[in-house]
Amino acid sequence: LHVDRQVTGCSDHDGEQAYNLDGEEMWFADFIKREGVEPQPPFIDHMTYVDGAYQGAEVNQQICKTSLDVVRRAMKDFKIED
């Protein structure tokens, strides 16, 4: 069995989207360079992600930041309890 994970997260100033297989990072979005990175070692059969993967990651970041704003507004009046 294999473990396949997708991580998507954001904050006001940063974001992340990455794909992992069995604990190894297969692809991640570099939002500073504005490109997808495939940090796979040269001794394996290289797997390439589909065209548009980076653009999809940018869209996911906008969705994440919008959701973050909605949750902040919804939780703004909740009291912090022990």
C-alpha atoms as a PDB file:
ATOM      1  CA  LEU A   1       0.000   0.000   0.000  1.00  0.00           C
ATOM      2  CA  HIS A   2       1.077   3.576  -0.669  1.00  0.00           C
ATOM      3  CA  VAL A   3       0.231   6.774   1.152  1.00  0.00           C
ATOM      4  CA  ASP A   4      -0.639   9.665  -1.159  1.00  0.00           C
ATOM      5  CA  ARG A   5      -1.093  13.131   0.360  1.00  0.00           C
ATOM      6  CA  GLN A   6      -2.008  16.566  -0.898  1.00  0.00           C
ATOM      7  CA  VAL A   7      -1.300  19.543   1.353  1.00  0.00           C
ATOM      8  CA  THR A   8      -2.933  22.922   0.751  1.00  0.00           C
ATOM      9  CA  GLY A   9      -2.648  25.755   3.237  1.00  0.00           C
ATOM     10  CA  CYS A  10      -2.527  29.511   3.418  1.00  0.00           C
ATOM     11  CA  SER A  11      -2.107  32.531   5.641  1.00  0.00           C
ATOM     12  CA  ASP A  12      -2.362  36.253   5.000  1.00  0.00           C
ATOM     13  CA  HIS A  13       1.165  36.355   3.586  1.00  0.00           C
ATOM     14  CA  ASP A  14       2.092  32.832   2.558  1.00  0.00           C
ATOM     15  CA  GLY A  15       0.735  29.631   1.082  1.00  0.00           C
ATOM     16  CA  GLU A  16       1.606  26.052   0.283  1.00  0.00           C
ATOM     17  CA  GLN A  17       0.464  23.326  -2.047  1.00  0.00           C
ATOM     18  CA  ALA A  18       2.348  20.056  -2.276  1.00  0.00           C
ATOM     19  CA  TYR A  19       1.853  16.440  -3.338  1.00  0.00           C
ATOM     20  CA  ASN A  20       3.591  13.615  -1.466  1.00  0.00           C
ATOM     21  CA  LEU A  21       3.874   9.884  -2.037  1.00  0.00           C
ATOM     22  CA  ASP A  22       5.026   7.617   0.788  1.00  0.00           C
ATOM     23  CA  GLY A  23       6.479  10.596   2.664  1.00  0.00           C
ATOM     24  CA  GLU A  24       8.459  11.885  -0.319  1.00  0.00           C
ATOM     25  CA  GLU A  25       7.636  15.227  -1.855  1.00  0.00           C
ATOM     26  CA  MET A  26       6.765  14.736  -5.521  1.00  0.00           C
ATOM     27  CA  TRP A  27       5.642  18.249  -6.460  1.00  0.00           C
ATOM     28  CA  PHE A  28       5.179  21.621  -4.807  1.00  0.00           C
ATOM     29  CA  ALA A  29       4.176  25.094  -5.893  1.00  0.00           C
ATOM     30  CA  ASP A  30       6.894  27.723  -5.541  1.00  0.00           C
ATOM     31  CA  PHE A  31       4.769  30.859  -5.226  1.00  0.00           C
ATOM     32  CA  ILE A  32       7.846  33.114  -5.209  1.00  0.00           C
ATOM     33  CA  LYS A  33       9.196  31.826  -8.544  1.00  0.00           C
ATOM     34  CA  ARG A  34       5.623  31.242  -9.797  1.00  0.00           C
ATOM     35  CA  GLU A  35       6.249  27.662 -10.954  1.00  0.00           C
ATOM     36  CA  GLY A  36       5.741  24.053  -9.991  1.00  0.00           C
ATOM     37  CA  VAL A  37       8.813  22.172  -8.727  1.00  0.00           C
ATOM     38  CA  GLU A  38       9.364  18.420  -9.050  1.00  0.00           C
ATOM     39  CA  PRO A  39      12.179  17.629  -6.562  1.00  0.00           C
ATOM     40  CA  GLN A  40      12.598  14.008  -7.576  1.00  0.00           C
ATOM     41  CA  PRO A  41      15.999  12.332  -7.472  1.00  0.00           C
ATOM     42  CA  PRO A  42      17.609  11.498 -10.816  1.00  0.00           C
ATOM     43  CA  PHE A  43      17.758   7.739 -10.159  1.00  0.00           C
ATOM     44  CA  ILE A  44      13.979   7.200 -10.336  1.00  0.00           C
ATOM     45  CA  ASP A  45      11.592   7.235 -13.273  1.00  0.00           C
ATOM     46  CA  HIS A  46      10.578  10.872 -13.244  1.00  0.00           C
ATOM     47  CA  MET A  47       6.863  11.551 -12.759  1.00  0.00           C
ATOM     48  CA  THR A  48       5.550  14.784 -14.244  1.00  0.00           C
ATOM     49  CA  TYR A  49       2.379  16.555 -13.185  1.00  0.00           C
ATOM     50  CA  VAL A  50      -0.135  17.731 -15.747  1.00  0.00           C
ATOM     51  CA  ASP A  51       0.069  21.134 -17.379  1.00  0.00           C
ATOM     52  CA  GLY A  52      -1.863  23.630 -15.312  1.00  0.00           C
ATOM     53  CA  ALA A  53      -0.920  22.143 -11.935  1.00  0.00           C
ATOM     54  CA  TYR A  54       0.709  25.409 -10.856  1.00  0.00           C
ATOM     55  CA  GLN A  55      -2.230  27.481 -12.088  1.00  0.00           C
ATOM     56  CA  GLY A  56      -4.538  25.194 -10.126  1.00  0.00           C
ATOM     57  CA  ALA A  57      -2.410  25.769  -7.027  1.00  0.00           C
ATOM     58  CA  GLU A  58      -2.786  29.546  -7.461  1.00  0.00           C
ATOM     59  CA  VAL A  59      -6.576  29.145  -7.691  1.00  0.00           C
ATOM     60  CA  ASN A  60      -6.555  26.952  -4.571  1.00  0.00           C
ATOM     61  CA  GLN A  61      -4.654  29.702  -2.728  1.00  0.00           C
ATOM     62  CA  GLN A  62      -7.312  32.258  -3.587  1.00  0.00           C
ATOM     63  CA  ILE A  63     -10.033  29.864  -2.407  1.00  0.00           C
ATOM     64  CA  CYS A  64      -8.094  29.202   0.803  1.00  0.00           C
ATOM     65  CA  LYS A  65      -7.624  32.920   1.533  1.00  0.00           C
ATOM     66  CA  THR A  66     -11.298  33.628   0.855  1.00  0.00           C
ATOM     67  CA  SER A  67     -12.295  30.792   3.199  1.00  0.00           C
ATOM     68  CA  LEU A  68      -9.887  32.139   5.824  1.00  0.00           C
ATOM     69  CA  ASP A  69     -11.573  35.563   5.649  1.00  0.00           C
ATOM     70  CA  VAL A  70     -15.045  34.003   5.938  1.00  0.00           C
ATOM     71  CA  VAL A  71     -14.034  31.961   8.995  1.00  0.00           C
ATOM     72  CA  ARG A  72     -12.440  35.009  10.637  1.00  0.00           C
ATOM     73  CA  ARG A  73     -15.646  37.010  10.214  1.00  0.00           C
ATOM     74  CA  ALA A  74     -17.785  34.125  11.463  1.00  0.00           C
ATOM     75  CA  MET A  75     -15.574  33.509  14.522  1.00  0.00           C
ATOM     76  CA  LYS A  76     -14.911  37.172  15.373  1.00  0.00           C
ATOM     77  CA  ASP A  77     -17.456  37.366  18.218  1.00  0.00           C
ATOM     78  CA  PHE A  78     -16.744  33.952  19.737  1.00  0.00           C
ATOM     79  CA  LYS A  79     -15.374  34.178  23.270  1.00  0.00           C
ATOM     80  CA  ILE A  80     -12.154  32.392  24.101  1.00  0.00           C
ATOM     81  CA  GLU A  81     -12.855  29.828  26.792  1.00  0.00           C
ATOM     82  CA  ASP A  82     -10.577  27.577  28.802  1.00  0.00           C
END
